[in-house]
């Protein structure tokens, strides 16, 4: 009897302890589980959870976090470090290196992905796995400085761009009801930007422990991304609604491919339709402007920094302005209602042209920072709109190649702008005058075509299930 009472008291005494331990455990988990629930609620809002777009947003966030970890780890290496006081030939070599992934992307990766319509999830998972393994290779190279640094870093860039091509082609399959393509693209891009902002300070902290640690973090992130890729809905890989199609927009092919046409050489990107070609050209001018401003201002502000500021602070101000504008453009795109992408492009690029002309006529540090911000804002919205047009007007069977080729052209435009910025004399008014010519050429030659395309509407292809 005494033993039973003792046992009962012991059990009763341990009960509060167990409850306290459970309460402590819940308190420790709450910041993580609460944050996870909040993220899931945001990414799955407005039907994105039911359509599967929410899972793609989360996957793209993981992609952004992993990429920024690798960027931080390589920031101190010769691959990405391009000090402005080095010879301009060294900077030109950097531009040539950045072209390598895109040179491979268009002729190889795009057509390869076109032949894998049922393997989109596997392609995205393969990109994640490749970058995870390359992160391990880089973890040794950043310490030893071995020659494997360059091919491994280039491999990371190629895998990242291949993921981006597939991701852009997947978005239309996961579009919720009453969602515009611009809005869906913005949500996905914004998720990546937010994840990059969260991962950047974490990566910087890991960098303090040693250059290997951000790469170890990237390995873990990309491995989780590989798992998340296979959790996307099965309709991502479904062939329902697909048909072989040519990149053509002439009367012979507008209503579908013909058997006799399939034996012909596949047309180039210029045949996807007027809306896409005009949007691509004006986006190329925007990307050319971006490359020009980056390299021209890097040299200009080093020699002639803003009043009362060092060269580093001056560059930081302009860089932060451009980044803030880009993030704002993405955020605005995420909340836009259904609007014609052509109208969005015409409007935002007109704003850039006006600010560029003003900055050239009244050259000041404030106007230069303002131009960087507006250019970043316009570039984000213009690119989102271009993606929407490709997704709307290009047949799905060849959409991967369209994205790959457009990315190649845009990167070439960026390199061209950077080359102009390197070669130009360091005169602020002259430089911003050239910037006005760059963006003005793109806008003036496409505004009529884009407005006409908006009036007539696009050749929208029905969504596949």
Protein backbone atom coordinates (compact mmCIF):
# COMPACT_ATOMS: atom_id res chain seq x y z
CA UNK A 1 0.00 0.00 0.00
CA UNK A 2 2.80 2.32 0.98
CA UNK A 3 4.67 1.37 -2.19
CA UNK A 4 1.61 2.20 -4.33
CA UNK A 5 1.23 5.64 -2.73
CA UNK A 6 4.94 6.30 -3.24
CA UNK A 7 4.68 5.31 -6.89
CA UNK A 8 1.65 7.54 -7.34
CA UNK A 9 3.42 10.50 -5.77
CA UNK A 10 6.44 9.87 -7.96
CA UNK A 11 4.31 9.81 -11.10
CA UNK A 12 2.45 12.89 -9.97
CA UNK A 13 5.69 14.69 -9.27
CA UNK A 14 7.12 13.87 -12.65
CA UNK A 15 3.99 15.07 -14.44
CA UNK A 16 4.69 18.81 -14.00
CA UNK A 17 8.29 18.20 -15.02
CA UNK A 18 7.21 16.47 -18.21
CA UNK A 19 4.73 19.24 -18.93
CA UNK A 20 7.43 21.85 -18.35
CA UNK A 21 9.81 20.03 -20.67
CA UNK A 22 7.14 19.77 -23.37
CA UNK A 23 6.33 23.45 -22.92
CA UNK A 24 9.99 24.38 -23.24
CA UNK A 25 10.27 22.23 -26.37
CA UNK A 26 7.25 23.94 -27.93
CA UNK A 27 8.70 27.35 -27.04
CA UNK A 28 12.02 26.48 -28.67
CA UNK A 29 10.31 25.14 -31.80
CA UNK A 30 7.82 28.00 -32.09
CA UNK A 31 10.14 30.48 -33.86
CA UNK A 32 10.91 27.86 -36.49
CA UNK A 33 7.48 26.28 -36.87
CA UNK A 34 5.77 29.66 -36.67
CA UNK A 35 8.06 31.09 -39.34
CA UNK A 36 7.57 28.02 -41.53
CA UNK A 37 3.78 28.29 -41.20
CA UNK A 38 3.94 32.00 -42.03
CA UNK A 39 6.06 31.34 -45.13
CA UNK A 40 3.77 28.53 -46.22
CA UNK A 41 0.70 30.73 -45.75
CA UNK A 42 2.25 33.53 -47.85
CA UNK A 43 3.49 31.31 -50.67
CA UNK A 44 0.25 29.33 -50.88
CA UNK A 45 -2.10 32.35 -50.83
CA UNK A 46 -4.66 33.17 -53.54
CA UNK A 47 -4.87 29.66 -54.92
CA UNK A 48 -1.09 29.19 -55.28
CA UNK A 49 -1.20 26.26 -52.89
CA UNK A 50 -3.86 24.40 -54.83
CA UNK A 51 -2.23 25.00 -58.22
CA UNK A 52 1.26 24.06 -57.06
CA UNK A 53 2.74 27.53 -57.65
CA UNK A 54 3.44 27.83 -53.91
CA UNK A 55 5.81 24.87 -54.04
CA UNK A 56 7.60 26.40 -57.02
CA UNK A 57 8.00 29.67 -55.09
CA UNK A 58 9.55 27.77 -52.18
CA UNK A 59 11.84 25.86 -54.55
CA UNK A 60 12.97 29.11 -56.17
CA UNK A 61 13.66 30.56 -52.72
CA UNK A 62 15.92 27.60 -52.00
CA UNK A 63 17.61 28.15 -55.36
CA UNK A 64 18.29 31.80 -54.56
CA UNK A 65 19.65 31.00 -51.10
CA UNK A 66 22.05 28.39 -52.48
CA UNK A 67 23.29 30.66 -55.27
CA UNK A 68 24.04 33.53 -52.89
CA UNK A 69 26.02 31.17 -50.63
CA UNK A 70 28.26 30.24 -53.56
CA UNK A 71 28.56 33.88 -54.65
CA UNK A 72 29.71 34.90 -51.16
CA UNK A 73 32.27 32.09 -51.06
CA UNK A 74 33.68 33.10 -54.45
CA UNK A 75 33.61 36.84 -53.77
CA UNK A 76 37.25 36.86 -52.68
CA UNK A 77 38.52 34.72 -55.57
CA UNK A 78 39.83 35.84 -58.93
CA UNK A 79 36.71 34.47 -60.64
CA UNK A 80 34.33 37.12 -59.32
CA UNK A 81 36.65 39.69 -57.82
CA UNK A 82 37.17 42.50 -60.34
CA UNK A 83 38.68 45.53 -58.55
CA UNK A 84 38.11 48.76 -60.44
CA UNK A 85 41.77 49.76 -60.19
CA UNK A 86 42.87 46.83 -62.36
CA UNK A 87 43.51 47.19 -66.06
CA UNK A 88 40.46 47.40 -68.29
CA UNK A 89 41.71 44.37 -70.16
CA UNK A 90 41.24 42.33 -66.96
CA UNK A 91 37.64 43.52 -66.74
CA UNK A 92 37.09 42.64 -70.40
CA UNK A 93 38.33 39.13 -69.62
CA UNK A 94 35.70 38.92 -66.87
CA UNK A 95 33.01 39.85 -69.39
CA UNK A 96 34.20 37.11 -71.72
CA UNK A 97 34.06 34.58 -68.88
CA UNK A 98 30.46 35.50 -68.07
CA UNK A 99 29.48 34.74 -71.67
CA UNK A 100 30.62 31.10 -71.48
CA UNK A 101 27.55 29.71 -69.67
CA UNK A 102 25.20 31.39 -72.11
CA UNK A 103 27.17 30.24 -75.12
CA UNK A 104 26.54 26.69 -73.87
CA UNK A 105 22.98 27.38 -72.73
CA UNK A 106 21.47 28.29 -76.10
CA UNK A 107 22.80 25.59 -78.47
CA UNK A 108 22.99 22.73 -75.95
CA UNK A 109 20.89 23.13 -72.82
CA UNK A 110 17.78 24.64 -74.42
CA UNK A 111 17.31 21.99 -77.15
CA UNK A 112 18.17 19.25 -74.64
CA UNK A 113 15.40 20.42 -72.32
CA UNK A 114 13.00 20.60 -75.27
CA UNK A 115 13.55 16.86 -75.71
CA UNK A 116 12.68 16.18 -72.06
CA UNK A 117 9.05 17.33 -71.78
CA UNK A 118 8.36 14.61 -69.20
CA UNK A 119 11.45 15.29 -67.14
CA UNK A 120 11.07 18.86 -65.96
CA UNK A 121 11.15 17.95 -62.29
CA UNK A 122 14.13 15.69 -62.93
CA UNK A 123 15.89 18.50 -64.83
CA UNK A 124 15.40 20.93 -61.95
CA UNK A 125 16.52 18.31 -59.44
CA UNK A 126 19.56 17.54 -61.61
CA UNK A 127 20.49 21.23 -61.61
CA UNK A 128 20.29 21.28 -57.81
CA UNK A 129 22.35 18.09 -57.47
CA UNK A 130 25.00 19.34 -59.90
CA UNK A 131 25.44 22.55 -57.94
CA UNK A 132 25.56 20.67 -54.64
CA UNK A 133 28.40 18.48 -55.91
CA UNK A 134 30.20 21.43 -57.51
CA UNK A 135 29.97 23.28 -54.19
CA UNK A 136 32.00 20.49 -52.61
CA UNK A 137 34.56 20.73 -55.41
CA UNK A 138 34.76 24.49 -54.93
CA UNK A 139 35.20 24.10 -51.16
CA UNK A 140 38.63 22.65 -51.85
CA UNK A 141 39.47 24.97 -54.72
CA UNK A 142 38.83 28.22 -52.81
CA UNK A 143 41.47 27.18 -50.28
CA UNK A 144 44.04 25.62 -52.60
CA UNK A 145 43.46 27.97 -55.54
CA UNK A 146 43.52 24.99 -57.88
CA UNK A 147 42.64 25.16 -61.55
CA UNK A 148 39.37 23.32 -60.86
CA UNK A 149 37.99 26.62 -59.53
CA UNK A 150 37.20 27.96 -63.01
CA UNK A 151 35.41 24.97 -64.57
CA UNK A 152 33.52 24.31 -61.32
CA UNK A 153 32.37 27.94 -61.08
CA UNK A 154 31.34 27.91 -64.75
CA UNK A 155 29.48 24.65 -64.11
CA UNK A 156 27.55 26.31 -61.30
CA UNK A 157 26.55 29.16 -63.63
CA UNK A 158 25.42 26.78 -66.36
CA UNK A 159 23.39 24.67 -63.92
CA UNK A 160 21.82 27.78 -62.43
CA UNK A 161 20.77 29.10 -65.85
CA UNK A 162 19.46 25.67 -66.87
CA UNK A 163 17.28 25.66 -63.74
CA UNK A 164 16.04 29.15 -64.61
CA UNK A 165 15.06 28.09 -68.12
CA UNK A 166 13.03 25.12 -66.86
CA UNK A 167 11.49 27.14 -64.03
CA UNK A 168 10.24 29.79 -66.46
CA UNK A 169 8.71 27.12 -68.69
CA UNK A 170 6.99 25.47 -65.70
CA UNK A 171 5.19 28.57 -64.40
CA UNK A 172 2.28 28.48 -66.93
CA UNK A 173 1.40 24.91 -65.84
CA UNK A 174 1.03 26.03 -62.22
CA UNK A 175 -0.87 29.26 -62.83
CA UNK A 176 -3.77 29.74 -60.34
CA UNK A 177 -7.14 31.00 -61.61
CA UNK A 178 -7.30 34.76 -62.16
CA UNK A 179 -3.50 35.01 -61.97
CA UNK A 180 -1.69 36.91 -64.73
CA UNK A 181 1.62 35.50 -65.90
CA UNK A 182 3.37 38.71 -64.87
CA UNK A 183 1.99 38.38 -61.36
CA UNK A 184 2.97 34.71 -61.10
CA UNK A 185 6.49 35.41 -62.37
CA UNK A 186 6.77 38.26 -59.88
CA UNK A 187 5.72 36.06 -56.97
CA UNK A 188 8.33 33.48 -57.87
CA UNK A 189 11.07 36.06 -58.38
CA UNK A 190 10.16 37.90 -55.17
CA UNK A 191 10.43 34.66 -53.23
CA UNK A 192 13.95 34.22 -54.57
CA UNK A 193 14.90 37.80 -53.68
CA UNK A 194 13.61 37.49 -50.11
CA UNK A 195 15.47 34.21 -49.63
CA UNK A 196 18.62 35.82 -51.00
CA UNK A 197 18.26 38.67 -48.50
CA UNK A 198 17.89 36.21 -45.62
CA UNK A 199 20.70 33.90 -46.75
CA UNK A 200 23.23 36.67 -47.50
CA UNK A 201 24.00 37.61 -43.86
CA UNK A 202 24.07 33.93 -42.92
CA UNK A 203 26.56 33.27 -45.70
CA UNK A 204 28.63 36.27 -44.60
CA UNK A 205 28.72 34.84 -41.07
CA UNK A 206 29.83 31.46 -42.38
CA UNK A 207 32.49 33.20 -44.46
CA UNK A 208 34.03 34.49 -41.24
CA UNK A 209 34.62 30.87 -40.22
CA UNK A 210 36.41 30.22 -43.49
CA UNK A 211 35.75 30.28 -47.25
CA UNK A 212 34.70 26.62 -47.21
CA UNK A 213 31.72 27.08 -44.89
CA UNK A 214 29.35 28.99 -47.22
CA UNK A 215 29.96 26.22 -49.77
CA UNK A 216 29.07 23.57 -47.21
CA UNK A 217 25.89 25.56 -46.57
CA UNK A 218 25.22 25.68 -50.32
CA UNK A 219 25.62 21.90 -50.49
CA UNK A 220 22.95 21.38 -47.82
CA UNK A 221 20.60 23.92 -49.43
CA UNK A 222 20.89 22.48 -52.93
CA UNK A 223 20.40 18.93 -51.67
CA UNK A 224 17.15 20.03 -50.03
CA UNK A 225 16.25 21.74 -53.31
CA UNK A 226 16.71 18.46 -55.14
CA UNK A 227 14.16 16.86 -52.82
CA UNK A 228 11.75 19.78 -53.21
CA UNK A 229 11.97 19.52 -57.01
CA UNK A 230 10.32 16.10 -56.93
CA UNK A 231 7.57 17.44 -54.66
CA UNK A 232 6.23 19.67 -57.43
CA UNK A 233 2.88 18.51 -58.85
CA UNK A 234 2.96 15.68 -61.39
CA UNK A 235 1.27 17.94 -63.96
CA UNK A 236 4.63 19.68 -64.35
CA UNK A 237 5.76 16.56 -66.23
CA UNK A 238 2.45 15.73 -67.88
CA UNK A 239 2.27 15.70 -71.67
CA UNK A 240 -1.46 16.47 -71.70
CA UNK A 241 -2.19 19.36 -74.04
CA UNK A 242 1.26 19.31 -75.63
CA UNK A 243 1.89 19.16 -79.35
CA UNK A 244 4.96 19.47 -81.47
CA UNK A 245 5.27 23.05 -82.56
CA UNK A 246 7.65 25.32 -84.41
CA UNK A 247 8.88 28.67 -83.25
CA UNK A 248 6.78 30.30 -85.94
CA UNK A 249 4.22 33.07 -86.05
CA UNK A 250 3.50 33.35 -89.76
CA UNK A 251 0.17 32.46 -91.32
CA UNK A 252 1.40 29.00 -92.29
CA UNK A 253 2.05 27.98 -88.69
CA UNK A 254 -0.19 30.13 -86.48
CA UNK A 255 -2.83 27.42 -86.19
CA UNK A 256 -0.49 24.59 -85.43
CA UNK A 257 2.41 22.73 -87.02
CA UNK A 258 2.06 20.82 -90.25
CA UNK A 259 3.68 17.53 -91.05
CA UNK A 260 5.50 18.85 -94.07
CA UNK A 261 6.85 21.75 -92.03
CA UNK A 262 8.35 19.50 -89.38
CA UNK A 263 11.00 18.38 -91.86
CA UNK A 264 12.19 21.93 -92.31
CA UNK A 265 14.85 23.53 -90.21
CA UNK A 266 13.37 24.93 -87.03
CA UNK A 267 12.99 28.72 -87.39
CA UNK A 268 14.99 31.05 -85.21
CA UNK A 269 13.77 33.20 -82.35
CA UNK A 270 12.81 36.01 -84.72
CA UNK A 271 9.75 33.99 -85.80
CA UNK A 272 8.02 33.75 -82.41
CA UNK A 273 5.82 36.75 -83.11
CA UNK A 274 5.96 40.55 -83.03
CA UNK A 275 5.12 40.99 -79.34
CA UNK A 276 7.94 38.71 -78.20
CA UNK A 277 10.54 40.08 -80.63
CA UNK A 278 9.76 43.72 -79.75
CA UNK A 279 9.76 42.94 -76.03
CA UNK A 280 13.02 41.04 -76.37
CA UNK A 281 14.71 43.92 -78.19
CA UNK A 282 13.67 46.54 -75.65
CA UNK A 283 14.72 44.20 -72.83
CA UNK A 284 18.08 43.84 -74.56
CA UNK A 285 18.46 47.62 -74.50
CA UNK A 286 17.63 47.57 -70.78
CA UNK A 287 20.19 44.87 -70.12
CA UNK A 288 22.74 46.77 -72.23
CA UNK A 289 22.05 49.84 -70.08
CA UNK A 290 22.58 47.76 -66.94
CA UNK A 291 25.97 46.48 -68.11
CA UNK A 292 26.98 49.98 -69.21
CA UNK A 293 26.07 51.61 -65.88
CA UNK A 294 27.79 48.93 -63.83
CA UNK A 295 31.17 49.24 -65.51
CA UNK A 296 31.11 52.91 -66.46
CA UNK A 297 30.10 54.04 -62.98
CA UNK A 298 32.57 51.64 -61.36
CA UNK A 299 35.44 53.44 -63.09
CA UNK A 300 33.87 56.92 -62.97
CA UNK A 301 33.06 56.92 -59.25
CA UNK A 302 36.47 55.56 -58.37
CA UNK A 303 38.12 58.49 -60.09
CA UNK A 304 35.40 61.05 -59.25
CA UNK A 305 33.46 59.87 -56.16
CA UNK A 306 30.35 61.61 -54.90
CA UNK A 307 30.94 64.82 -52.97
CA UNK A 308 32.17 64.08 -49.46
CA UNK A 309 32.13 60.29 -50.00
CA UNK A 310 34.78 57.71 -50.69
CA UNK A 311 34.78 55.68 -53.90
CA UNK A 312 33.53 52.59 -52.05
CA UNK A 313 30.66 54.48 -50.44
CA UNK A 314 29.74 56.10 -53.76
CA UNK A 315 29.58 52.74 -55.50
CA UNK A 316 27.59 51.31 -52.60
CA UNK A 317 25.00 54.09 -52.86
CA UNK A 318 24.48 53.49 -56.56
CA UNK A 319 24.46 49.71 -56.09
CA UNK A 320 21.93 49.85 -53.27
CA UNK A 321 19.74 52.19 -55.34
CA UNK A 322 19.77 49.77 -58.27
CA UNK A 323 19.08 46.78 -56.01
CA UNK A 324 16.24 48.56 -54.24
CA UNK A 325 14.70 49.52 -57.57
CA UNK A 326 14.96 45.96 -58.83
CA UNK A 327 13.36 44.57 -55.67
CA UNK A 328 10.59 47.18 -55.84
CA UNK A 329 9.92 46.33 -59.48
CA UNK A 330 9.59 42.67 -58.60
CA UNK A 331 7.29 43.48 -55.68
CA UNK A 332 5.09 45.69 -57.87
CA UNK A 333 4.87 42.93 -60.44
CA UNK A 334 3.74 40.53 -57.71
CA UNK A 335 0.73 42.74 -56.94
CA UNK A 336 -0.18 43.81 -60.45
CA UNK A 337 -3.59 42.89 -61.72
CA UNK A 338 -3.90 41.34 -65.16
CA UNK A 339 -2.47 43.90 -67.57
CA UNK A 340 -1.02 43.64 -71.04
CA UNK A 341 2.72 42.96 -70.64
CA UNK A 342 3.37 45.16 -73.69
CA UNK A 343 1.88 48.21 -71.93
CA UNK A 344 3.97 47.56 -68.82
CA UNK A 345 7.18 47.47 -70.87
CA UNK A 346 6.35 50.64 -72.83
CA UNK A 347 5.50 52.57 -69.66
CA UNK A 348 8.46 51.65 -67.46
CA UNK A 349 11.07 52.03 -70.21
CA UNK A 350 9.66 55.46 -71.07
CA UNK A 351 10.26 56.42 -67.43
CA UNK A 352 13.89 55.23 -67.68
CA UNK A 353 14.41 57.24 -70.86
CA UNK A 354 13.06 60.40 -69.22
CA UNK A 355 15.27 60.01 -66.14
CA UNK A 356 18.35 59.18 -68.27
CA UNK A 357 17.92 62.31 -70.39
CA UNK A 358 17.43 64.44 -67.27
CA UNK A 359 20.52 62.93 -65.61
CA UNK A 360 22.59 63.57 -68.74
CA UNK A 361 21.52 67.23 -68.98
CA UNK A 362 21.87 67.97 -65.25
CA UNK A 363 24.55 65.54 -64.14
CA UNK A 364 24.58 65.13 -60.37
CA UNK A 365 25.27 62.30 -57.95
CA UNK A 366 21.63 62.26 -56.83
CA UNK A 367 20.33 61.96 -60.39
CA UNK A 368 22.84 59.18 -61.08
CA UNK A 369 21.54 57.20 -58.09
CA UNK A 370 17.98 57.95 -59.20
CA UNK A 371 18.73 56.61 -62.69
CA UNK A 372 20.18 53.43 -61.20
CA UNK A 373 17.03 52.92 -59.11
CA UNK A 374 14.61 53.58 -61.97
CA UNK A 375 16.64 51.40 -64.34
CA UNK A 376 16.58 48.54 -61.81
CA UNK A 377 12.82 48.93 -61.35
CA UNK A 378 12.17 48.96 -65.10
CA UNK A 379 14.49 46.05 -65.80
CA UNK A 380 12.68 43.85 -63.27
CA UNK A 381 9.22 44.61 -64.62
CA UNK A 382 10.33 44.44 -68.26
CA UNK A 383 11.90 41.02 -67.78
CA UNK A 384 8.82 39.71 -65.98
CA UNK A 385 6.69 40.97 -68.86
CA UNK A 386 8.97 39.38 -71.45
CA UNK A 387 8.72 36.04 -69.64
CA UNK A 388 4.94 36.41 -69.66
CA UNK A 389 4.91 37.05 -73.41
CA UNK A 390 7.08 34.02 -74.12
CA UNK A 391 4.87 31.89 -71.90
CA UNK A 392 1.78 33.27 -73.63
CA UNK A 393 2.82 33.28 -77.28
CA UNK A 394 5.40 30.51 -77.73
CA UNK A 395 4.20 26.89 -78.06
CA UNK A 396 5.15 24.87 -75.02
CA UNK A 397 7.04 22.22 -76.97
CA UNK A 398 9.77 24.72 -77.84
CA UNK A 399 9.38 27.17 -74.97
CA UNK A 400 12.57 26.01 -73.24
CA UNK A 401 14.64 26.94 -76.30
CA UNK A 402 12.90 30.32 -76.49
CA UNK A 403 13.88 31.09 -72.91
CA UNK A 404 17.43 29.85 -73.45
CA UNK A 405 17.91 31.92 -76.60
CA UNK A 406 16.37 35.02 -75.06
CA UNK A 407 18.66 34.70 -72.03
CA UNK A 408 21.64 34.39 -74.36
CA UNK A 409 20.68 37.53 -76.27
CA UNK A 410 20.09 39.48 -73.05
CA UNK A 411 23.46 38.43 -71.65
CA UNK A 412 25.18 39.40 -74.89
CA UNK A 413 23.51 42.82 -74.62
CA UNK A 414 24.79 43.13 -71.05
CA UNK A 415 28.32 42.32 -72.17
CA UNK A 416 28.06 44.84 -75.03
CA UNK A 417 26.94 47.54 -72.59
CA UNK A 418 29.79 46.67 -70.25
CA UNK A 419 32.30 46.87 -73.10
CA UNK A 420 31.01 50.34 -74.05
CA UNK A 421 31.28 51.42 -70.42
CA UNK A 422 34.89 50.23 -70.21
CA UNK A 423 35.95 51.99 -73.40
CA UNK A 424 34.18 55.32 -72.80
CA UNK A 425 36.08 58.34 -71.40
CA UNK A 426 35.29 59.03 -67.74
CA UNK A 427 32.98 61.99 -68.27
CA UNK A 428 29.70 61.83 -66.36
CA UNK A 429 27.52 63.88 -68.69
CA UNK A 430 28.89 62.08 -71.74
CA UNK A 431 28.35 58.67 -70.14
CA UNK A 432 24.75 59.32 -69.18
CA UNK A 433 24.16 60.76 -72.64
CA UNK A 434 25.28 57.43 -74.07
CA UNK A 435 22.99 55.70 -71.57
CA UNK A 436 20.09 57.78 -72.93
CA UNK A 437 20.94 56.72 -76.48
CA UNK A 438 21.03 53.04 -75.46
CA UNK A 439 17.65 53.01 -73.79
CA UNK A 440 16.14 55.42 -76.32
CA UNK A 441 17.13 53.19 -79.23
CA UNK A 442 15.38 50.22 -77.64
CA UNK A 443 12.23 52.16 -76.76
CA UNK A 444 11.76 54.22 -79.92
CA UNK A 445 12.20 51.26 -82.25
CA UNK A 446 9.70 49.04 -80.41
CA UNK A 447 7.03 51.30 -78.89
CA UNK A 448 4.75 51.25 -81.96
CA UNK A 449 5.06 47.50 -82.36
CA UNK A 450 4.38 46.82 -78.69
CA UNK A 451 1.33 49.10 -78.63
CA UNK A 452 0.00 47.46 -81.78
CA UNK A 453 0.53 44.01 -80.27
CA UNK A 454 -1.30 45.10 -77.11
CA UNK A 455 -4.27 46.32 -79.18
CA UNK A 456 -4.54 43.12 -81.18
CA UNK A 457 -3.80 40.78 -78.29
CA UNK A 458 -1.34 37.89 -78.24
CA UNK A 459 -1.59 34.48 -79.78
CA UNK A 460 -2.26 32.95 -76.38
CA UNK A 461 -1.84 29.21 -76.18
CA UNK A 462 -4.26 27.29 -74.02
CA UNK A 463 -2.97 26.17 -70.67
CA UNK A 464 -2.05 22.55 -70.32
CA UNK A 465 -3.20 20.60 -67.38
